[in-house]
PDB file of N, CA and C in Angstrom:
ATOM      1  N   MET A   1      22.869  44.855 126.461  1.00  0.00           N
ATOM      2  CA  MET A   1      22.139  44.959 126.146  1.00  0.00           C
ATOM      3  C   MET A   1      21.338  44.002 124.347  1.00  0.00           C
ATOM      4  N   LYS A   2      20.558  44.940 123.935  1.00  0.00           N
ATOM      5  CA  LYS A   2      19.850  43.691 123.540  1.00  0.00           C
ATOM      6  C   LYS A   2      19.696  44.113 121.930  1.00  0.00           C
ATOM      7  N   GLN A   3      20.238  42.916 121.143  1.00  0.00           N
ATOM      8  CA  GLN A   3      20.943  42.825 119.815  1.00  0.00           C
ATOM      9  C   GLN A   3      20.114  44.108 119.009  1.00  0.00           C
ATOM     10  N   LYS A   4      19.112  44.635 118.917  1.00  0.00           N
ATOM     11  CA  LYS A   4      18.446  45.540 118.287  1.00  0.00           C
ATOM     12  C   LYS A   4      18.931  47.171 118.186  1.00  0.00           C
ATOM     13  N   SER A   5      19.537  47.392 119.995  1.00  0.00           N
ATOM     14  CA  SER A   5      20.466  48.202 119.965  1.00  0.00           C
ATOM     15  C   SER A   5      21.697  48.182 119.924  1.00  0.00           C
ATOM     16  N   ARG A   6      22.260  46.550 119.717  1.00  0.00           N
ATOM     17  CA  ARG A   6      23.686  46.669 119.383  1.00  0.00           C
ATOM     18  C   ARG A   6      23.841  47.172 118.340  1.00  0.00           C
ATOM     19  N   THR A   7      23.073  46.449 117.310  1.00  0.00           N
ATOM     20  CA  THR A   7      22.370  46.638 115.951  1.00  0.00           C
ATOM     21  C   THR A   7      21.956  48.849 115.447  1.00  0.00           C
ATOM     22  N   ALA A   8      21.165  49.721 115.835  1.00  0.00           N
ATOM     23  CA  ALA A   8      21.177  50.760 115.996  1.00  0.00           C
ATOM     24  C   ALA A   8      22.785  51.646 116.348  1.00  0.00           C
ATOM     25  N   LYS A   9      23.211  50.869 117.375  1.00  0.00           N
ATOM     26  CA  LYS A   9      24.485  51.769 117.939  1.00  0.00           C
ATOM     27  C   LYS A   9      25.081  52.236 116.705  1.00  0.00           C
ATOM     28  N   GLY A  10      25.850  50.887 115.707  1.00  0.00           N
ATOM     29  CA  GLY A  10      26.759  50.316 115.128  1.00  0.00           C
ATOM     30  C   GLY A  10      26.543  50.568 113.764  1.00  0.00           C
ATOM     31  N   ARG A  11      24.704  50.968 113.491  1.00  0.00           N
ATOM     32  CA  ARG A  11      24.545  51.835 112.201  1.00  0.00           C
ATOM     33  C   ARG A  11      24.571  53.184 112.754  1.00  0.00           C
ATOM     34  N   TYR A  12      24.170  54.249 113.513  1.00  0.00           N
ATOM     35  CA  TYR A  12      24.802  54.976 113.836  1.00  0.00           C
ATOM     36  C   TYR A  12      25.984  55.675 113.674  1.00  0.00           C
ATOM     37  N   LEU A  13      26.743  54.719 113.766  1.00  0.00           N
ATOM     38  CA  LEU A  13      28.226  55.483 113.764  1.00  0.00           C
ATOM     39  C   LEU A  13      28.472  54.505 112.179  1.00  0.00           C
ATOM     40  N   GLN A  14      27.659  54.036 111.757  1.00  0.00           N
ATOM     41  CA  GLN A  14      28.494  53.749 109.863  1.00  0.00           C
ATOM     42  C   GLN A  14      27.835  54.990 109.209  1.00  0.00           C
ATOM     43  N   ASN A  15      26.602  55.445 109.884  1.00  0.00           N
ATOM     44  CA  ASN A  15      26.522  56.496 108.877  1.00  0.00           C
ATOM     45  C   ASN A  15      27.130  57.728 109.427  1.00  0.00           C
ATOM     46  N   ILE A  16      27.453  58.261 110.266  1.00  0.00           N
ATOM     47  CA  ILE A  16      28.180  59.033 109.909  1.00  0.00           C
ATOM     48  C   ILE A  16      28.980  59.190 109.544  1.00  0.00           C
ATOM     49  N   VAL A  17      30.099  57.695 109.237  1.00  0.00           N
ATOM     50  CA  VAL A  17      31.334  57.780 108.324  1.00  0.00           C
ATOM     51  C   VAL A  17      30.477  57.882 106.667  1.00  0.00           C
ATOM     52  N   LYS A  18      29.731  57.720 106.716  1.00  0.00           N
ATOM     53  CA  LYS A  18      29.099  57.745 105.523  1.00  0.00           C
ATOM     54  C   LYS A  18      29.181  58.953 105.750  1.00  0.00           C
ATOM     55  N   ASP A  19      27.958  59.602 106.019  1.00  0.00           N
ATOM     56  CA  ASP A  19      28.002  61.141 105.441  1.00  0.00           C
ATOM     57  C   ASP A  19      29.036  62.490 105.738  1.00  0.00           C
ATOM     58  N   LYS A  20      30.124  61.700 106.405  1.00  0.00           N
ATOM     59  CA  LYS A  20      31.638  62.527 106.117  1.00  0.00           C
ATOM     60  C   LYS A  20      32.261  62.563 104.580  1.00  0.00           C
ATOM     61  N   ILE A  21      31.947  60.668 104.295  1.00  0.00           N
ATOM     62  CA  ILE A  21      32.132  60.175 103.177  1.00  0.00           C
ATOM     63  C   ILE A  21      31.541  61.426 101.818  1.00  0.00           C
ATOM     64  N   ILE A  22      30.493  61.694 101.626  1.00  0.00           N
ATOM     65  CA  ILE A  22      29.393  62.155 100.829  1.00  0.00           C
ATOM     66  C   ILE A  22      30.216  63.660 100.661  1.00  0.00           C
ATOM     67  N   GLU A  23      29.905  64.157 102.373  1.00  0.00           N
ATOM     68  CA  GLU A  23      30.522  66.192 102.150  1.00  0.00           C
ATOM     69  C   GLU A  23      31.006  66.349 102.478  1.00  0.00           C
ATOM     70  N   LEU A  24      32.966  65.257 102.064  1.00  0.00           N
ATOM     71  CA  LEU A  24      33.554  65.725 101.455  1.00  0.00           C
ATOM     72  C   LEU A  24      34.094  65.603 100.358  1.00  0.00           C
ATOM     73  N   TYR A  25      33.232  64.685  99.664  1.00  0.00           N
ATOM     74  CA  TYR A  25      33.691  64.349  97.512  1.00  0.00           C
ATOM     75  C   TYR A  25      31.832  64.485  96.948  1.00  0.00           C
ATOM     76  N   PRO A  26      31.151  65.781  96.979  1.00  0.00           N
ATOM     77  CA  PRO A  26      30.142  66.041  96.433  1.00  0.00           C
ATOM     78  C   PRO A  26      29.635  65.696  95.977  1.00  0.00           C
ATOM     79  N   VAL A  27      30.518  65.366  94.369  1.00  0.00           N
ATOM     80  CA  VAL A  27      30.166  64.555  93.426  1.00  0.00           C
ATOM     81  C   VAL A  27      29.549  63.151  93.951  1.00  0.00           C
ATOM     82  N   LEU A  28      29.335  62.748  94.978  1.00  0.00           N
ATOM     83  CA  LEU A  28      28.838  60.868  95.308  1.00  0.00           C
ATOM     84  C   LEU A  28      27.580  61.722  95.639  1.00  0.00           C
ATOM     85  N   THR A  29      26.872  60.736  95.536  1.00  0.00           N
ATOM     86  CA  THR A  29      25.403  60.624  95.722  1.00  0.00           C
ATOM     87  C   THR A  29      25.350  59.063  96.789  1.00  0.00           C
ATOM     88  N   LYS A  30      24.554  59.587  97.194  1.00  0.00           N
ATOM     89  CA  LYS A  30      23.499  58.277  98.510  1.00  0.00           C
ATOM     90  C   LYS A  30      23.377  56.777  97.425  1.00  0.00           C
ATOM     91  N   LYS A  31      23.759  56.935  96.254  1.00  0.00           N
ATOM     92  CA  LYS A  31      23.474  56.128  95.713  1.00  0.00           C
ATOM     93  C   LYS A  31      25.201  55.092  95.284  1.00  0.00           C
ATOM     94  N   ASP A  32      26.325  56.514  95.745  1.00  0.00           N
ATOM     95  CA  ASP A  32      27.479  55.704  94.868  1.00  0.00           C
ATOM     96  C   ASP A  32      27.819  54.926  97.030  1.00  0.00           C
ATOM     97  N   ILE A  33      26.897  55.032  98.004  1.00  0.00           N
ATOM     98  CA  ILE A  33      27.523  54.827  99.070  1.00  0.00           C
ATOM     99  C   ILE A  33      26.915  54.413  99.123  1.00  0.00           C
ATOM    100  N   ARG A  34      27.010  53.466 100.489  1.00  0.00           N
ATOM    101  CA  ARG A  34      25.806  53.121 101.486  1.00  0.00           C
ATOM    102  C   ARG A  34      26.362  52.367 102.389  1.00  0.00           C
ATOM    103  N   THR A  35      25.669  51.937 103.979  1.00  0.00           N
ATOM    104  CA  THR A  35      25.992  51.082 104.823  1.00  0.00           C
ATOM    105  C   THR A  35      26.033  49.820 104.864  1.00  0.00           C
ATOM    106  N   SER A  36      26.472  48.370 105.401  1.00  0.00           N
ATOM    107  CA  SER A  36      26.709  47.375 105.098  1.00  0.00           C
ATOM    108  C   SER A  36      24.937  47.195 105.813  1.00  0.00           C
ATOM    109  N   MET A  37      24.326  46.179 105.447  1.00  0.00           N
ATOM    110  CA  MET A  37      23.062  45.339 106.563  1.00  0.00           C
ATOM    111  C   MET A  37      23.980  44.454 107.853  1.00  0.00           C
ATOM    112  N   VAL A  38      22.517  44.377 108.364  1.00  0.00           N
ATOM    113  CA  VAL A  38      23.581  43.288 109.327  1.00  0.00           C
ATOM    114  C   VAL A  38      23.866  42.183 108.833  1.00  0.00           C
ATOM    115  N   GLY A  39      24.945  40.936 109.543  1.00  0.00           N
ATOM    116  CA  GLY A  39      25.142  39.866 109.095  1.00  0.00           C
ATOM    117  C   GLY A  39      25.794  40.026 107.590  1.00  0.00           C
ATOM    118  N   GLU A  40      26.008  41.143 106.627  1.00  0.00           N
ATOM    119  CA  GLU A  40      26.637  40.627 105.682  1.00  0.00           C
ATOM    120  C   GLU A  40      28.476  40.898 105.341  1.00  0.00           C
ATOM    121  N   ASN A  41      28.870  40.400 105.061  1.00  0.00           N
ATOM    122  CA  ASN A  41      30.734  39.827 105.450  1.00  0.00           C
ATOM    123  C   ASN A  41      31.147  41.218 104.626  1.00  0.00           C
ATOM    124  N   ASN A  42      30.385  41.871 104.872  1.00  0.00           N
ATOM    125  CA  ASN A  42      31.684  42.996 103.802  1.00  0.00           C
ATOM    126  C   ASN A  42      32.149  44.356 103.972  1.00  0.00           C
ATOM    127  N   ALA A  43      32.819  44.906 103.978  1.00  0.00           N
ATOM    128  CA  ALA A  43      32.942  46.702 104.883  1.00  0.00           C
ATOM    129  C   ALA A  43      31.941  47.036 105.183  1.00  0.00           C
ATOM    130  N   ASP A  44      31.806  47.623 106.040  1.00  0.00           N
ATOM    131  CA  ASP A  44      30.525  48.205 106.717  1.00  0.00           C
ATOM    132  C   ASP A  44      30.425  49.474 106.206  1.00  0.00           C
ATOM    133  N   ILE A  45      31.368  50.472 105.076  1.00  0.00           N
ATOM    134  CA  ILE A  45      30.845  50.840 104.520  1.00  0.00           C
ATOM    135  C   ILE A  45      31.017  50.314 102.657  1.00  0.00           C
ATOM    136  N   LYS A  46      30.261  50.467 101.834  1.00  0.00           N
ATOM    137  CA  LYS A  46      30.101  49.522 100.955  1.00  0.00           C
ATOM    138  C   LYS A  46      30.096  51.510  99.577  1.00  0.00           C
ATOM    139  N   LEU A  47      31.075  51.350  98.717  1.00  0.00           N
ATOM    140  CA  LEU A  47      31.070  51.997  98.115  1.00  0.00           C
ATOM    141  C   LEU A  47      31.081  51.189  96.443  1.00  0.00           C
ATOM    142  N   LEU A  48      30.102  51.784  95.587  1.00  0.00           N
ATOM    143  CA  LEU A  48      28.984  51.557  95.180  1.00  0.00           C
ATOM    144  C   LEU A  48      29.574  51.821  94.112  1.00  0.00           C
ATOM    145  N   SER A  49      30.507  52.778  93.708  1.00  0.00           N
ATOM    146  CA  SER A  49      30.300  53.041  92.059  1.00  0.00           C
ATOM    147  C   SER A  49      31.841  53.179  91.544  1.00  0.00           C
ATOM    148  N   HIS A  50      32.580  52.877  90.772  1.00  0.00           N
ATOM    149  CA  HIS A  50      33.830  53.379  90.107  1.00  0.00           C
ATOM    150  C   HIS A  50      34.228  54.552  91.123  1.00  0.00           C
ATOM    151  N   THR A  51      33.492  56.036  91.247  1.00  0.00           N
ATOM    152  CA  THR A  51      33.962  56.718  91.298  1.00  0.00           C
ATOM    153  C   THR A  51      34.495  56.906  92.697  1.00  0.00           C
ATOM    154  N   ALA A  52      33.409  57.060  93.929  1.00  0.00           N
ATOM    155  CA  ALA A  52      33.565  56.321  94.998  1.00  0.00           C
ATOM    156  C   ALA A  52      34.716  55.392  95.533  1.00  0.00           C
ATOM    157  N   LYS A  53      34.859  54.457  94.342  1.00  0.00           N
ATOM    158  CA  LYS A  53      36.439  54.039  95.080  1.00  0.00           C
ATOM    159  C   LYS A  53      37.975  54.144  94.729  1.00  0.00           C
ATOM    160  N   LYS A  54      37.384  54.996  93.617  1.00  0.00           N
ATOM    161  CA  LYS A  54      38.047  56.685  93.945  1.00  0.00           C
ATOM    162  C   LYS A  54      38.906  57.247  93.888  1.00  0.00           C
ATOM    163  N   LEU A  55      38.069  57.708  93.909  1.00  0.00           N
ATOM    164  CA  LEU A  55      37.821  58.852  95.714  1.00  0.00           C
ATOM    165  C   LEU A  55      38.313  58.311  97.382  1.00  0.00           C
ATOM    166  N   PHE A  56      38.134  57.940  97.326  1.00  0.00           N
ATOM    167  CA  PHE A  56      38.356  56.777  98.880  1.00  0.00           C
ATOM    168  C   PHE A  56      38.353  55.746  98.632  1.00  0.00           C
ATOM    169  N   PRO A  57      39.644  56.024  98.167  1.00  0.00           N
ATOM    170  CA  PRO A  57      40.620  54.527  98.553  1.00  0.00           C
ATOM    171  C   PRO A  57      40.839  53.124 100.202  1.00  0.00           C
ATOM    172  N   TYR A  58      39.784  53.167 100.357  1.00  0.00           N
ATOM    173  CA  TYR A  58      40.000  52.910 101.866  1.00  0.00           C
ATOM    174  C   TYR A  58      38.667  51.576 101.913  1.00  0.00           C
ATOM    175  N   SER A  59      39.437  51.283 102.829  1.00  0.00           N
ATOM    176  CA  SER A  59      38.406  49.750 104.246  1.00  0.00           C
ATOM    177  C   SER A  59      37.556  49.944 104.910  1.00  0.00           C
ATOM    178  N   VAL A  60      36.233  50.003 105.291  1.00  0.00           N
ATOM    179  CA  VAL A  60      36.407  51.270 105.904  1.00  0.00           C
ATOM    180  C   VAL A  60      35.115  49.679 107.085  1.00  0.00           C
ATOM    181  N   GLU A  61      35.699  49.460 108.966  1.00  0.00           N
ATOM    182  CA  GLU A  61      34.785  48.707 109.311  1.00  0.00           C
ATOM    183  C   GLU A  61      35.297  48.967 110.489  1.00  0.00           C
ATOM    184  N   CYS A  62      33.554  49.543 111.143  1.00  0.00           N
ATOM    185  CA  CYS A  62      32.897  50.901 112.364  1.00  0.00           C
ATOM    186  C   CYS A  62      32.935  50.005 114.023  1.00  0.00           C
ATOM    187  N   LYS A  63      33.192  50.086 114.690  1.00  0.00           N
ATOM    188  CA  LYS A  63      32.955  49.657 115.436  1.00  0.00           C
ATOM    189  C   LYS A  63      32.580  50.233 116.593  1.00  0.00           C
ATOM    190  N   ASN A  64      31.717  50.530 117.073  1.00  0.00           N
ATOM    191  CA  ASN A  64      30.392  51.497 118.818  1.00  0.00           C
ATOM    192  C   ASN A  64      31.126  50.484 120.062  1.00  0.00           C
ATOM    193  N   ARG A  65      31.845  50.359 120.375  1.00  0.00           N
ATOM    194  CA  ARG A  65      32.748  49.630 121.546  1.00  0.00           C
ATOM    195  C   ARG A  65      32.028  50.646 122.700  1.00  0.00           C
ATOM    196  N   ASN A  66      32.142  50.456 123.904  1.00  0.00           N
ATOM    197  CA  ASN A  66      32.430  50.235 125.207  1.00  0.00           C
ATOM    198  C   ASN A  66      33.307  50.207 126.188  1.00  0.00           C
ATOM    199  N   GLU A  67      34.084  48.913 125.328  1.00  0.00           N
ATOM    200  CA  GLU A  67      35.487  48.592 125.855  1.00  0.00           C
ATOM    201  C   GLU A  67      36.507  48.818 125.208  1.00  0.00           C
ATOM    202  N   PHE A  68      36.503  49.764 124.323  1.00  0.00           N
ATOM    203  CA  PHE A  68      37.541  51.170 124.132  1.00  0.00           C
ATOM    204  C   PHE A  68      38.485  51.807 125.374  1.00  0.00           C
ATOM    205  N   LYS A  69      37.757  51.820 126.221  1.00  0.00           N
ATOM    206  CA  LYS A  69      38.085  52.610 127.358  1.00  0.00           C
ATOM    207  C   LYS A  69      39.759  53.374 127.470  1.00  0.00           C
ATOM    208  N   GLY A  70      40.599  51.989 127.170  1.00  0.00           N
ATOM    209  CA  GLY A  70      42.044  51.991 126.947  1.00  0.00           C
ATOM    210  C   GLY A  70      42.061  52.714 125.581  1.00  0.00           C
ATOM    211  N   VAL A  71      41.594  52.920 125.338  1.00  0.00           N
ATOM    212  CA  VAL A  71      42.229  53.331 124.003  1.00  0.00           C
ATOM    213  C   VAL A  71      41.757  54.565 124.216  1.00  0.00           C
ATOM    214  N   TYR A  72      40.566  55.436 124.130  1.00  0.00           N
ATOM    215  CA  TYR A  72      40.307  56.826 125.078  1.00  0.00           C
ATOM    216  C   TYR A  72      41.639  57.542 125.699  1.00  0.00           C
ATOM    217  N   ASN A  73      41.365  56.255 126.624  1.00  0.00           N
ATOM    218  CA  ASN A  73      43.039  56.465 128.120  1.00  0.00           C
ATOM    219  C   ASN A  73      43.737  57.535 127.424  1.00  0.00           C
ATOM    220  N   GLY A  74      44.489  56.307 125.924  1.00  0.00           N
ATOM    221  CA  GLY A  74      45.369  56.305 126.048  1.00  0.00           C
ATOM    222  C   GLY A  74      45.402  57.677 124.249  1.00  0.00           C
ATOM    223  N   MET A  75      44.159  58.037 123.940  1.00  0.00           N
ATOM    224  CA  MET A  75      44.431  59.350 123.517  1.00  0.00           C
ATOM    225  C   MET A  75      44.103  60.532 123.929  1.00  0.00           C
ATOM    226  N   ARG A  76      43.467  60.696 125.348  1.00  0.00           N
ATOM    227  CA  ARG A  76      43.708  61.435 126.443  1.00  0.00           C
ATOM    228  C   ARG A  76      45.042  61.870 126.569  1.00  0.00           C
ATOM    229  N   GLN A  77      45.917  61.396 127.399  1.00  0.00           N
ATOM    230  CA  GLN A  77      47.149  61.374 127.108  1.00  0.00           C
ATOM    231  C   GLN A  77      47.287  61.590 126.631  1.00  0.00           C
ATOM    232  N   ALA A  78      47.521  62.081 125.221  1.00  0.00           N
ATOM    233  CA  ALA A  78      47.936  62.141 124.202  1.00  0.00           C
ATOM    234  C   ALA A  78      47.799  63.756 123.439  1.00  0.00           C
ATOM    235  N   ILE A  79      46.501  63.698 124.422  1.00  0.00           N
ATOM    236  CA  ILE A  79      46.172  65.832 123.689  1.00  0.00           C
ATOM    237  C   ILE A  79      46.297  65.888 125.413  1.00  0.00           C
ATOM    238  N   LYS A  80      46.865  65.578 126.243  1.00  0.00           N
ATOM    239  CA  LYS A  80      47.540  65.962 127.349  1.00  0.00           C
ATOM    240  C   LYS A  80      48.761  67.112 126.787  1.00  0.00           C
ATOM    241  N   HIS A  81      49.711  65.890 126.789  1.00  0.00           N
ATOM    242  CA  HIS A  81      51.163  66.306 126.071  1.00  0.00           C
ATOM    243  C   HIS A  81      51.204  67.079 125.002  1.00  0.00           C
ATOM    244  N   SER A  82      50.576  67.713 124.555  1.00  0.00           N
ATOM    245  CA  SER A  82      50.922  68.249 123.678  1.00  0.00           C
ATOM    246  C   SER A  82      49.303  69.805 122.569  1.00  0.00           C
ATOM    247  N   PRO A  83      49.931  70.246 122.465  1.00  0.00           N
ATOM    248  CA  PRO A  83      49.222  71.190 121.826  1.00  0.00           C
ATOM    249  C   PRO A  83      48.800  70.397 120.460  1.00  0.00           C
ATOM    250  N   ARG A  84      50.404  69.586 119.877  1.00  0.00           N
ATOM    251  CA  ARG A  84      49.795  68.795 118.059  1.00  0.00           C
ATOM    252  C   ARG A  84      48.700  68.530 118.307  1.00  0.00           C
ATOM    253  N   GLU A  85      48.795  68.209 116.551  1.00  0.00           N
ATOM    254  CA  GLU A  85      47.645  66.494 116.252  1.00  0.00           C
ATOM    255  C   GLU A  85      47.668  65.238 117.462  1.00  0.00           C
ATOM    256  N   PRO A  86      47.113  65.236 118.148  1.00  0.00           N
ATOM    257  CA  PRO A  86      47.460  64.068 118.897  1.00  0.00           C
ATOM    258  C   PRO A  86      47.654  62.289 117.564  1.00  0.00           C
ATOM    259  N   VAL A  87      48.401  61.517 117.976  1.00  0.00           N
ATOM    260  CA  VAL A  87      47.727  60.657 117.217  1.00  0.00           C
ATOM    261  C   VAL A  87      48.288  59.732 118.576  1.00  0.00           C
ATOM    262  N   LEU A  88      47.259  58.283 118.409  1.00  0.00           N
ATOM    263  CA  LEU A  88      47.637  56.936 119.416  1.00  0.00           C
ATOM    264  C   LEU A  88      48.281  56.015 118.589  1.00  0.00           C
ATOM    265  N   VAL A  89      48.858  54.961 118.934  1.00  0.00           N
ATOM    266  CA  VAL A  89      50.009  54.070 118.227  1.00  0.00           C
ATOM    267  C   VAL A  89      49.897  52.589 118.660  1.00  0.00           C
ATOM    268  N   ILE A  90      48.707  52.317 118.823  1.00  0.00           N
ATOM    269  CA  ILE A  90      49.108  50.823 119.686  1.00  0.00           C
ATOM    270  C   ILE A  90      49.225  48.794 118.610  1.00  0.00           C
ATOM    271  N   LYS A  91      49.567  48.870 119.431  1.00  0.00           N
ATOM    272  CA  LYS A  91      50.440  47.168 119.010  1.00  0.00           C
ATOM    273  C   LYS A  91      49.672  45.662 119.985  1.00  0.00           C
ATOM    274  N   MET A  92      49.641  45.034 119.142  1.00  0.00           N
ATOM    275  CA  MET A  92      48.985  43.574 119.923  1.00  0.00           C
ATOM    276  C   MET A  92      50.241  42.615 119.678  1.00  0.00           C
ATOM    277  N   ASN A  93      50.748  40.802 120.681  1.00  0.00           N
ATOM    278  CA  ASN A  93      51.894  40.623 120.052  1.00  0.00           C
ATOM    279  C   ASN A  93      51.661  40.335 118.621  1.00  0.00           C
ATOM    280  N   ARG A  94      52.018  40.205 118.017  1.00  0.00           N
ATOM    281  CA  ARG A  94      52.014  39.327 117.219  1.00  0.00           C
ATOM    282  C   ARG A  94      51.482  39.982 116.024  1.00  0.00           C
ATOM    283  N   GLU A  95      51.614  41.790 116.215  1.00  0.00           N
ATOM    284  CA  GLU A  95      49.926  42.178 115.324  1.00  0.00           C
ATOM    285  C   GLU A  95      51.087  44.135 114.541  1.00  0.00           C
ATOM    286  N   LYS A  96      50.270  44.225 113.564  1.00  0.00           N
ATOM    287  CA  LYS A  96      51.329  44.816 113.235  1.00  0.00           C
ATOM    288  C   LYS A  96      51.056  46.102 114.045  1.00  0.00           C
ATOM    289  N   PRO A  97      51.538  47.492 114.203  1.00  0.00           N
ATOM    290  CA  PRO A  97      51.215  48.776 114.462  1.00  0.00           C
ATOM    291  C   PRO A  97      50.457  49.482 114.217  1.00  0.00           C
ATOM    292  N   LEU A  98      49.058  49.883 115.469  1.00  0.00           N
ATOM    293  CA  LEU A  98      47.716  51.103 114.443  1.00  0.00           C
ATOM    294  C   LEU A  98      48.454  51.858 114.442  1.00  0.00           C
ATOM    295  N   ALA A  99      47.429  53.423 113.536  1.00  0.00           N
ATOM    296  CA  ALA A  99      48.323  54.653 114.182  1.00  0.00           C
ATOM    297  C   ALA A  99      46.203  55.096 114.635  1.00  0.00           C
ATOM    298  N   ILE A 100      45.903  55.340 115.497  1.00  0.00           N
ATOM    299  CA  ILE A 100      44.694  55.899 115.433  1.00  0.00           C
ATOM    300  C   ILE A 100      44.317  57.492 115.522  1.00  0.00           C
ATOM    301  N   ILE A 101      43.719  58.177 115.414  1.00  0.00           N
ATOM    302  CA  ILE A 101      43.431  59.639 114.754  1.00  0.00           C
ATOM    303  C   ILE A 101      41.988  59.880 114.605  1.00  0.00           C
ATOM    304  N   ASP A 102      41.661  61.490 114.977  1.00  0.00           N
ATOM    305  CA  ASP A 102      40.290  61.366 115.641  1.00  0.00           C
ATOM    306  C   ASP A 102      40.091  62.091 113.905  1.00  0.00           C
ATOM    307  N   LEU A 103      38.572  61.006 113.400  1.00  0.00           N
ATOM    308  CA  LEU A 103      38.365  61.593 112.586  1.00  0.00           C
ATOM    309  C   LEU A 103      38.108  62.626 111.942  1.00  0.00           C
ATOM    310  N   ASP A 104      37.477  63.312 112.929  1.00  0.00           N
ATOM    311  CA  ASP A 104      37.332  64.588 111.845  1.00  0.00           C
ATOM    312  C   ASP A 104      38.991  65.482 111.071  1.00  0.00           C
ATOM    313  N   HIS A 105      39.627  64.953 111.810  1.00  0.00           N
ATOM    314  CA  HIS A 105      41.467  65.121 111.750  1.00  0.00           C
ATOM    315  C   HIS A 105      41.490  64.417 110.614  1.00  0.00           C
ATOM    316  N   PHE A 106      40.932  63.139 110.188  1.00  0.00           N
ATOM    317  CA  PHE A 106      41.082  62.369 108.861  1.00  0.00           C
ATOM    318  C   PHE A 106      40.517  62.509 107.414  1.00  0.00           C
ATOM    319  N   PHE A 107      39.338  63.138 108.306  1.00  0.00           N
ATOM    320  CA  PHE A 107      38.626  63.835 106.732  1.00  0.00           C
ATOM    321  C   PHE A 107      39.635  65.109 106.717  1.00  0.00           C
ATOM    322  N   LYS A 108      40.499  66.351 107.610  1.00  0.00           N
ATOM    323  CA  LYS A 108      40.578  67.200 106.982  1.00  0.00           C
ATOM    324  C   LYS A 108      41.696  66.467 106.273  1.00  0.00           C
ATOM    325  N   LEU A 109      42.205  65.421 106.313  1.00  0.00           N
ATOM    326  CA  LEU A 109      43.194  65.147 106.275  1.00  0.00           C
ATOM    327  C   LEU A 109      43.007  65.009 104.342  1.00  0.00           C
ATOM    328  N   LEU A 110      42.138  64.169 104.078  1.00  0.00           N
ATOM    329  CA  LEU A 110      41.984  63.414 102.946  1.00  0.00           C
ATOM    330  C   LEU A 110      41.455  65.196 102.104  1.00  0.00           C
ATOM    331  N   SER A 111      40.912  66.266 102.795  1.00  0.00           N
ATOM    332  CA  SER A 111      40.226  67.330 102.112  1.00  0.00           C
ATOM    333  C   SER A 111      41.085  68.055 101.231  1.00  0.00           C
ATOM    334  N   ASP A 112      42.794  68.177 101.692  1.00  0.00           N
ATOM    335  CA  ASP A 112      43.803  68.855 101.747  1.00  0.00           C
ATOM    336  C   ASP A 112      44.327  68.485 100.282  1.00  0.00           C
TER     337      ASP A 112
END
């Protein structure tokens, strides 16, 4: 895959998240939040205003990769086990466990 394609793929996911944050908090505008540029060493979603930082207290890093097959297989398994909302918990040696939920479910939790 060419670098330009990788960049576009990452930007696509960043824009999805940015748009969901703006949709969740209508008081925010595109001036309050932006996606990072290629090569920047900060979070992928930049909260520029104090209001944005207060409303959305998360640091977002976006990874749009094909190598997450095992994670998606685990999530499919969680979905098959029960009609309840699936949560996948993963852990690597010497790392903290991570809980993975659907992006739409995450924003639904924030809106309640």
